[in-house]
Amino acid sequence: MLAAASDVALRGSWMRLKACRNPPCHLGFYDRTRNSSAAYCSPNRCGAQVAMRAYRSRKAKEEGR
C-alpha cells in the first residue's frame, strides 16, 4: 500500500484518489475517467444503489401528498 501511495505521489495524481460517495461504502478508489468526475467505486453497484435510493425517496414524497 505504501509503494502504491508513493507511486501516486510521484506521478502527481493525488486528485484521482477518491472515496466512494455511497454512504454505506466509502471505499477508496482510483478515478480512471477522462475528466476525473467519478463519484462511486462502481457505477453498477454503488452508483445504482444511490440512484435507487433517490428514486424511492422521490416516489415516497409523491405518494405522501
PDB file of N, CA and C in Angstrom:
ATOM      1  N   MET A   1       0.825  -1.178   0.000  1.00  0.00           N
ATOM      2  CA  MET A   1       0.000   0.000   0.000  1.00  0.00           C
ATOM      3  C   MET A   1       0.873   1.247   0.000  1.00  0.00           C
ATOM      4  N   LEU A   2       1.925   1.207   0.771  1.00  0.00           N
ATOM      5  CA  LEU A   2       2.825   2.353   0.838  1.00  0.00           C
ATOM      6  C   LEU A   2       3.518   2.581  -0.502  1.00  0.00           C
ATOM      7  N   ALA A   3       3.881   1.508  -1.186  1.00  0.00           N
ATOM      8  CA  ALA A   3       4.511   1.637  -2.501  1.00  0.00           C
ATOM      9  C   ALA A   3       3.539   2.262  -3.504  1.00  0.00           C
ATOM     10  N   ALA A   4       2.289   1.850  -3.452  1.00  0.00           N
ATOM     11  CA  ALA A   4       1.288   2.412  -4.360  1.00  0.00           C
ATOM     12  C   ALA A   4       1.062   3.889  -4.061  1.00  0.00           C
ATOM     13  N   ALA A   5       1.035   4.249  -2.783  1.00  0.00           N
ATOM     14  CA  ALA A   5       0.838   5.657  -2.403  1.00  0.00           C
ATOM     15  C   ALA A   5       2.023   6.508  -2.846  1.00  0.00           C
ATOM     16  N   SER A   6       3.233   5.991  -2.717  1.00  0.00           N
ATOM     17  CA  SER A   6       4.402   6.766  -3.148  1.00  0.00           C
ATOM     18  C   SER A   6       4.429   6.898  -4.673  1.00  0.00           C
ATOM     19  N   ASP A   7       3.963   5.869  -5.375  1.00  0.00           N
ATOM     20  CA  ASP A   7       3.892   5.943  -6.836  1.00  0.00           C
ATOM     21  C   ASP A   7       2.905   7.029  -7.276  1.00  0.00           C
ATOM     22  N   VAL A   8       1.761   7.094  -6.625  1.00  0.00           N
ATOM     23  CA  VAL A   8       0.758   8.118  -6.940  1.00  0.00           C
ATOM     24  C   VAL A   8       1.319   9.503  -6.622  1.00  0.00           C
ATOM     25  N   ALA A   9       2.039   9.611  -5.529  1.00  0.00           N
ATOM     26  CA  ALA A   9       2.620  10.900  -5.146  1.00  0.00           C
ATOM     27  C   ALA A   9       3.662  11.353  -6.174  1.00  0.00           C
ATOM     28  N   LEU A  10       4.468  10.435  -6.662  1.00  0.00           N
ATOM     29  CA  LEU A  10       5.483  10.782  -7.657  1.00  0.00           C
ATOM     30  C   LEU A  10       4.858  11.215  -8.978  1.00  0.00           C
ATOM     31  N   ARG A  11       3.748  10.600  -9.342  1.00  0.00           N
ATOM     32  CA  ARG A  11       3.066  10.955 -10.584  1.00  0.00           C
ATOM     33  C   ARG A  11       2.278  12.253 -10.459  1.00  0.00           C
ATOM     34  N   GLY A  12       1.971  12.657  -9.236  1.00  0.00           N
ATOM     35  CA  GLY A  12       1.203  13.875  -9.023  1.00  0.00           C
ATOM     36  C   GLY A  12      -0.279  13.694  -9.282  1.00  0.00           C
ATOM     37  N   SER A  13      -0.792  12.495  -9.082  1.00  0.00           N
ATOM     38  CA  SER A  13      -2.203  12.243  -9.366  1.00  0.00           C
ATOM     39  C   SER A  13      -3.006  11.967  -8.089  1.00  0.00           C
ATOM     40  N   TRP A  14      -2.707  12.701  -7.032  1.00  0.00           N
ATOM     41  CA  TRP A  14      -3.455  12.550  -5.783  1.00  0.00           C
ATOM     42  C   TRP A  14      -4.936  12.878  -5.970  1.00  0.00           C
ATOM     43  N   MET A  15      -5.236  13.786  -6.885  1.00  0.00           N
ATOM     44  CA  MET A  15      -6.618  14.201  -7.090  1.00  0.00           C
ATOM     45  C   MET A  15      -7.490  13.058  -7.621  1.00  0.00           C
ATOM     46  N   ARG A  16      -6.876  12.017  -8.137  1.00  0.00           N
ATOM     47  CA  ARG A  16      -7.645  10.886  -8.669  1.00  0.00           C
ATOM     48  C   ARG A  16      -7.946   9.834  -7.609  1.00  0.00           C
ATOM     49  N   LEU A  17      -7.358   9.950  -6.439  1.00  0.00           N
ATOM     50  CA  LEU A  17      -7.687   9.044  -5.335  1.00  0.00           C
ATOM     51  C   LEU A  17      -8.906   9.610  -4.626  1.00  0.00           C
ATOM     52  N   LYS A  18      -9.971   8.837  -4.579  1.00  0.00           N
ATOM     53  CA  LYS A  18     -11.234   9.329  -4.037  1.00  0.00           C
ATOM     54  C   LYS A  18     -11.876   8.288  -3.132  1.00  0.00           C
ATOM     55  N   ALA A  19     -12.860   8.744  -2.376  1.00  0.00           N
ATOM     56  CA  ALA A  19     -13.679   7.851  -1.557  1.00  0.00           C
ATOM     57  C   ALA A  19     -15.063   7.782  -2.191  1.00  0.00           C
ATOM     58  N   CYS A  20     -15.622   6.602  -2.216  1.00  0.00           N
ATOM     59  CA  CYS A  20     -16.950   6.393  -2.793  1.00  0.00           C
ATOM     60  C   CYS A  20     -17.983   7.235  -2.041  1.00  0.00           C
ATOM     61  N   ARG A  21     -18.906   7.867  -2.766  1.00  0.00           N
ATOM     62  CA  ARG A  21     -19.924   8.727  -2.153  1.00  0.00           C
ATOM     63  C   ARG A  21     -21.146   7.971  -1.660  1.00  0.00           C
ATOM     64  N   ASN A  22     -21.189   6.674  -1.869  1.00  0.00           N
ATOM     65  CA  ASN A  22     -22.290   5.856  -1.363  1.00  0.00           C
ATOM     66  C   ASN A  22     -22.088   5.722   0.152  1.00  0.00           C
ATOM     67  N   PRO A  23     -23.012   6.251   0.980  1.00  0.00           N
ATOM     68  CA  PRO A  23     -22.795   6.288   2.424  1.00  0.00           C
ATOM     69  C   PRO A  23     -22.386   4.967   3.074  1.00  0.00           C
ATOM     70  N   PRO A  24     -22.988   3.822   2.752  1.00  0.00           N
ATOM     71  CA  PRO A  24     -22.530   2.605   3.424  1.00  0.00           C
ATOM     72  C   PRO A  24     -21.190   2.075   2.900  1.00  0.00           C
ATOM     73  N   CYS A  25     -20.693   2.560   1.792  1.00  0.00           N
ATOM     74  CA  CYS A  25     -19.489   2.008   1.176  1.00  0.00           C
ATOM     75  C   CYS A  25     -18.218   2.760   1.596  1.00  0.00           C
ATOM     76  N   HIS A  26     -18.036   3.943   1.097  1.00  0.00           N
ATOM     77  CA  HIS A  26     -16.868   4.806   1.343  1.00  0.00           C
ATOM     78  C   HIS A  26     -15.528   4.116   1.050  1.00  0.00           C
ATOM     79  N   LEU A  27     -15.509   3.178   0.110  1.00  0.00           N
ATOM     80  CA  LEU A  27     -14.247   2.553  -0.305  1.00  0.00           C
ATOM     81  C   LEU A  27     -13.387   3.569  -1.038  1.00  0.00           C
ATOM     82  N   GLY A  28     -12.101   3.423  -0.926  1.00  0.00           N
ATOM     83  CA  GLY A  28     -11.206   4.259  -1.709  1.00  0.00           C
ATOM     84  C   GLY A  28     -11.043   3.670  -3.093  1.00  0.00           C
ATOM     85  N   PHE A  29     -10.920   4.531  -4.100  1.00  0.00           N
ATOM     86  CA  PHE A  29     -10.717   4.043  -5.461  1.00  0.00           C
ATOM     87  C   PHE A  29      -9.927   5.061  -6.261  1.00  0.00           C
ATOM     88  N   TYR A  30      -9.368   4.611  -7.367  1.00  0.00           N
ATOM     89  CA  TYR A  30      -8.612   5.462  -8.281  1.00  0.00           C
ATOM     90  C   TYR A  30      -9.524   5.814  -9.447  1.00  0.00           C
ATOM     91  N   ASP A  31      -9.759   7.104  -9.642  1.00  0.00           N
ATOM     92  CA  ASP A  31     -10.652   7.594 -10.688  1.00  0.00           C
ATOM     93  C   ASP A  31      -9.950   7.520 -12.041  1.00  0.00           C
ATOM     94  N   ARG A  32     -10.446   6.662 -12.916  1.00  0.00           N
ATOM     95  CA  ARG A  32      -9.835   6.479 -14.236  1.00  0.00           C
ATOM     96  C   ARG A  32     -10.588   7.218 -15.347  1.00  0.00           C
ATOM     97  N   THR A  33     -11.591   8.015 -14.995  1.00  0.00           N
ATOM     98  CA  THR A  33     -12.347   8.736 -16.017  1.00  0.00           C
ATOM     99  C   THR A  33     -11.499   9.856 -16.618  1.00  0.00           C
ATOM    100  N   ARG A  34     -11.835  10.262 -17.822  1.00  0.00           N
ATOM    101  CA  ARG A  34     -11.067  11.306 -18.505  1.00  0.00           C
ATOM    102  C   ARG A  34     -11.067  12.626 -17.759  1.00  0.00           C
ATOM    103  N   ASN A  35     -12.235  13.001 -17.235  1.00  0.00           N
ATOM    104  CA  ASN A  35     -12.344  14.311 -16.597  1.00  0.00           C
ATOM    105  C   ASN A  35     -12.349  14.241 -15.067  1.00  0.00           C
ATOM    106  N   SER A  36     -11.948  13.137 -14.516  1.00  0.00           N
ATOM    107  CA  SER A  36     -11.862  12.938 -13.053  1.00  0.00           C
ATOM    108  C   SER A  36     -13.182  13.208 -12.345  1.00  0.00           C
ATOM    109  N   SER A  37     -14.278  12.727 -12.907  1.00  0.00           N
ATOM    110  CA  SER A  37     -15.591  13.019 -12.345  1.00  0.00           C
ATOM    111  C   SER A  37     -16.256  11.826 -11.657  1.00  0.00           C
ATOM    112  N   ALA A  38     -15.577  10.720 -11.521  1.00  0.00           N
ATOM    113  CA  ALA A  38     -16.188   9.544 -10.902  1.00  0.00           C
ATOM    114  C   ALA A  38     -16.545   9.846  -9.449  1.00  0.00           C
ATOM    115  N   ALA A  39     -17.697   9.350  -9.025  1.00  0.00           N
ATOM    116  CA  ALA A  39     -18.146   9.583  -7.657  1.00  0.00           C
ATOM    117  C   ALA A  39     -18.292   8.275  -6.876  1.00  0.00           C
ATOM    118  N   TYR A  40     -18.389   7.157  -7.583  1.00  0.00           N
ATOM    119  CA  TYR A  40     -18.635   5.872  -6.944  1.00  0.00           C
ATOM    120  C   TYR A  40     -17.577   4.864  -7.363  1.00  0.00           C
ATOM    121  N   CYS A  41     -17.258   3.950  -6.451  1.00  0.00           N
ATOM    122  CA  CYS A  41     -16.232   2.948  -6.754  1.00  0.00           C
ATOM    123  C   CYS A  41     -16.684   2.045  -7.898  1.00  0.00           C
ATOM    124  N   SER A  42     -17.989   1.812  -8.002  1.00  0.00           N
ATOM    125  CA  SER A  42     -18.534   1.002  -9.083  1.00  0.00           C
ATOM    126  C   SER A  42     -19.862   1.598  -9.517  1.00  0.00           C
ATOM    127  N   PRO A  43     -19.970   2.072 -10.761  1.00  0.00           N
ATOM    128  CA  PRO A  43     -21.234   2.640 -11.204  1.00  0.00           C
ATOM    129  C   PRO A  43     -22.361   1.603 -11.205  1.00  0.00           C
ATOM    130  N   ASN A  44     -22.016   0.356 -11.416  1.00  0.00           N
ATOM    131  CA  ASN A  44     -23.033  -0.694 -11.466  1.00  0.00           C
ATOM    132  C   ASN A  44     -23.499  -1.130 -10.090  1.00  0.00           C
ATOM    133  N   ARG A  45     -22.681  -0.943  -9.084  1.00  0.00           N
ATOM    134  CA  ARG A  45     -23.073  -1.351  -7.744  1.00  0.00           C
ATOM    135  C   ARG A  45     -23.454  -0.128  -6.910  1.00  0.00           C
ATOM    136  N   CYS A  46     -22.497   0.684  -6.554  1.00  0.00           N
ATOM    137  CA  CYS A  46     -22.765   1.829  -5.672  1.00  0.00           C
ATOM    138  C   CYS A  46     -23.559   2.928  -6.372  1.00  0.00           C
ATOM    139  N   GLY A  47     -23.248   3.216  -7.607  1.00  0.00           N
ATOM    140  CA  GLY A  47     -23.994   4.233  -8.338  1.00  0.00           C
ATOM    141  C   GLY A  47     -25.452   3.849  -8.485  1.00  0.00           C
ATOM    142  N   ALA A  48     -25.700   2.582  -8.738  1.00  0.00           N
ATOM    143  CA  ALA A  48     -27.072   2.097  -8.874  1.00  0.00           C
ATOM    144  C   ALA A  48     -27.813   2.148  -7.535  1.00  0.00           C
ATOM    145  N   GLN A  49     -27.117   1.849  -6.449  1.00  0.00           N
ATOM    146  CA  GLN A  49     -27.746   1.918  -5.126  1.00  0.00           C
ATOM    147  C   GLN A  49     -28.170   3.339  -4.797  1.00  0.00           C
ATOM    148  N   VAL A  50     -27.312   4.304  -5.066  1.00  0.00           N
ATOM    149  CA  VAL A  50     -27.628   5.703  -4.780  1.00  0.00           C
ATOM    150  C   VAL A  50     -28.789   6.178  -5.651  1.00  0.00           C
ATOM    151  N   ALA A  51     -28.788   5.801  -6.916  1.00  0.00           N
ATOM    152  CA  ALA A  51     -29.871   6.187  -7.815  1.00  0.00           C
ATOM    153  C   ALA A  51     -31.193   5.581  -7.366  1.00  0.00           C
ATOM    154  N   MET A  52     -31.184   4.316  -6.950  1.00  0.00           N
ATOM    155  CA  MET A  52     -32.411   3.669  -6.489  1.00  0.00           C
ATOM    156  C   MET A  52     -32.901   4.297  -5.197  1.00  0.00           C
ATOM    157  N   ARG A  53     -31.992   4.637  -4.302  1.00  0.00           N
ATOM    158  CA  ARG A  53     -32.376   5.294  -3.050  1.00  0.00           C
ATOM    159  C   ARG A  53     -33.050   6.638  -3.331  1.00  0.00           C
ATOM    160  N   ALA A  54     -32.491   7.408  -4.266  1.00  0.00           N
ATOM    161  CA  ALA A  54     -33.075   8.706  -4.623  1.00  0.00           C
ATOM    162  C   ALA A  54     -34.442   8.521  -5.280  1.00  0.00           C
ATOM    163  N   TYR A  55     -34.571   7.536  -6.143  1.00  0.00           N
ATOM    164  CA  TYR A  55     -35.848   7.247  -6.808  1.00  0.00           C
ATOM    165  C   TYR A  55     -36.920   6.883  -5.785  1.00  0.00           C
ATOM    166  N   ARG A  56     -36.581   6.006  -4.856  1.00  0.00           N
ATOM    167  CA  ARG A  56     -37.552   5.590  -3.846  1.00  0.00           C
ATOM    168  C   ARG A  56     -37.955   6.761  -2.952  1.00  0.00           C
ATOM    169  N   SER A  57     -37.015   7.633  -2.662  1.00  0.00           N
ATOM    170  CA  SER A  57     -37.311   8.819  -1.853  1.00  0.00           C
ATOM    171  C   SER A  57     -38.284   9.745  -2.583  1.00  0.00           C
ATOM    172  N   ARG A  58     -38.049   9.953  -3.881  1.00  0.00           N
ATOM    173  CA  ARG A  58     -38.963  10.786  -4.677  1.00  0.00           C
ATOM    174  C   ARG A  58     -40.359  10.177  -4.739  1.00  0.00           C
ATOM    175  N   LYS A  59     -40.433   8.868  -4.947  1.00  0.00           N
ATOM    176  CA  LYS A  59     -41.725   8.183  -5.035  1.00  0.00           C
ATOM    177  C   LYS A  59     -42.476   8.270  -3.700  1.00  0.00           C
ATOM    178  N   ALA A  60     -41.765   8.136  -2.600  1.00  0.00           N
ATOM    179  CA  ALA A  60     -42.401   8.209  -1.281  1.00  0.00           C
ATOM    180  C   ALA A  60     -42.970   9.613  -1.052  1.00  0.00           C
ATOM    181  N   LYS A  61     -42.258  10.643  -1.489  1.00  0.00           N
ATOM    182  CA  LYS A  61     -42.745  12.005  -1.340  1.00  0.00           C
ATOM    183  C   LYS A  61     -43.982  12.237  -2.203  1.00  0.00           C
ATOM    184  N   GLU A  62     -43.999  11.687  -3.404  1.00  0.00           N
ATOM    185  CA  GLU A  62     -45.154  11.820  -4.290  1.00  0.00           C
ATOM    186  C   GLU A  62     -46.383  11.128  -3.706  1.00  0.00           C
ATOM    187  N   GLU A  63     -46.195   9.971  -3.136  1.00  0.00           N
ATOM    188  CA  GLU A  63     -47.303   9.213  -2.570  1.00  0.00           C
ATOM    189  C   GLU A  63     -47.805   9.831  -1.264  1.00  0.00           C
ATOM    190  N   GLY A  64     -46.942  10.590  -0.605  1.00  0.00           N
ATOM    191  CA  GLY A  64     -47.311  11.198   0.663  1.00  0.00           C
ATOM    192  C   GLY A  64     -48.095  12.480   0.524  1.00  0.00           C
ATOM    193  N   ARG A  65     -48.310  12.958  -0.677  1.00  0.00           N
ATOM    194  CA  ARG A  65     -49.026  14.223  -0.887  1.00  0.00           C
ATOM    195  C   ARG A  65     -50.426  14.178  -0.416  1.00  0.00           C
TER     196      ARG A  65
END
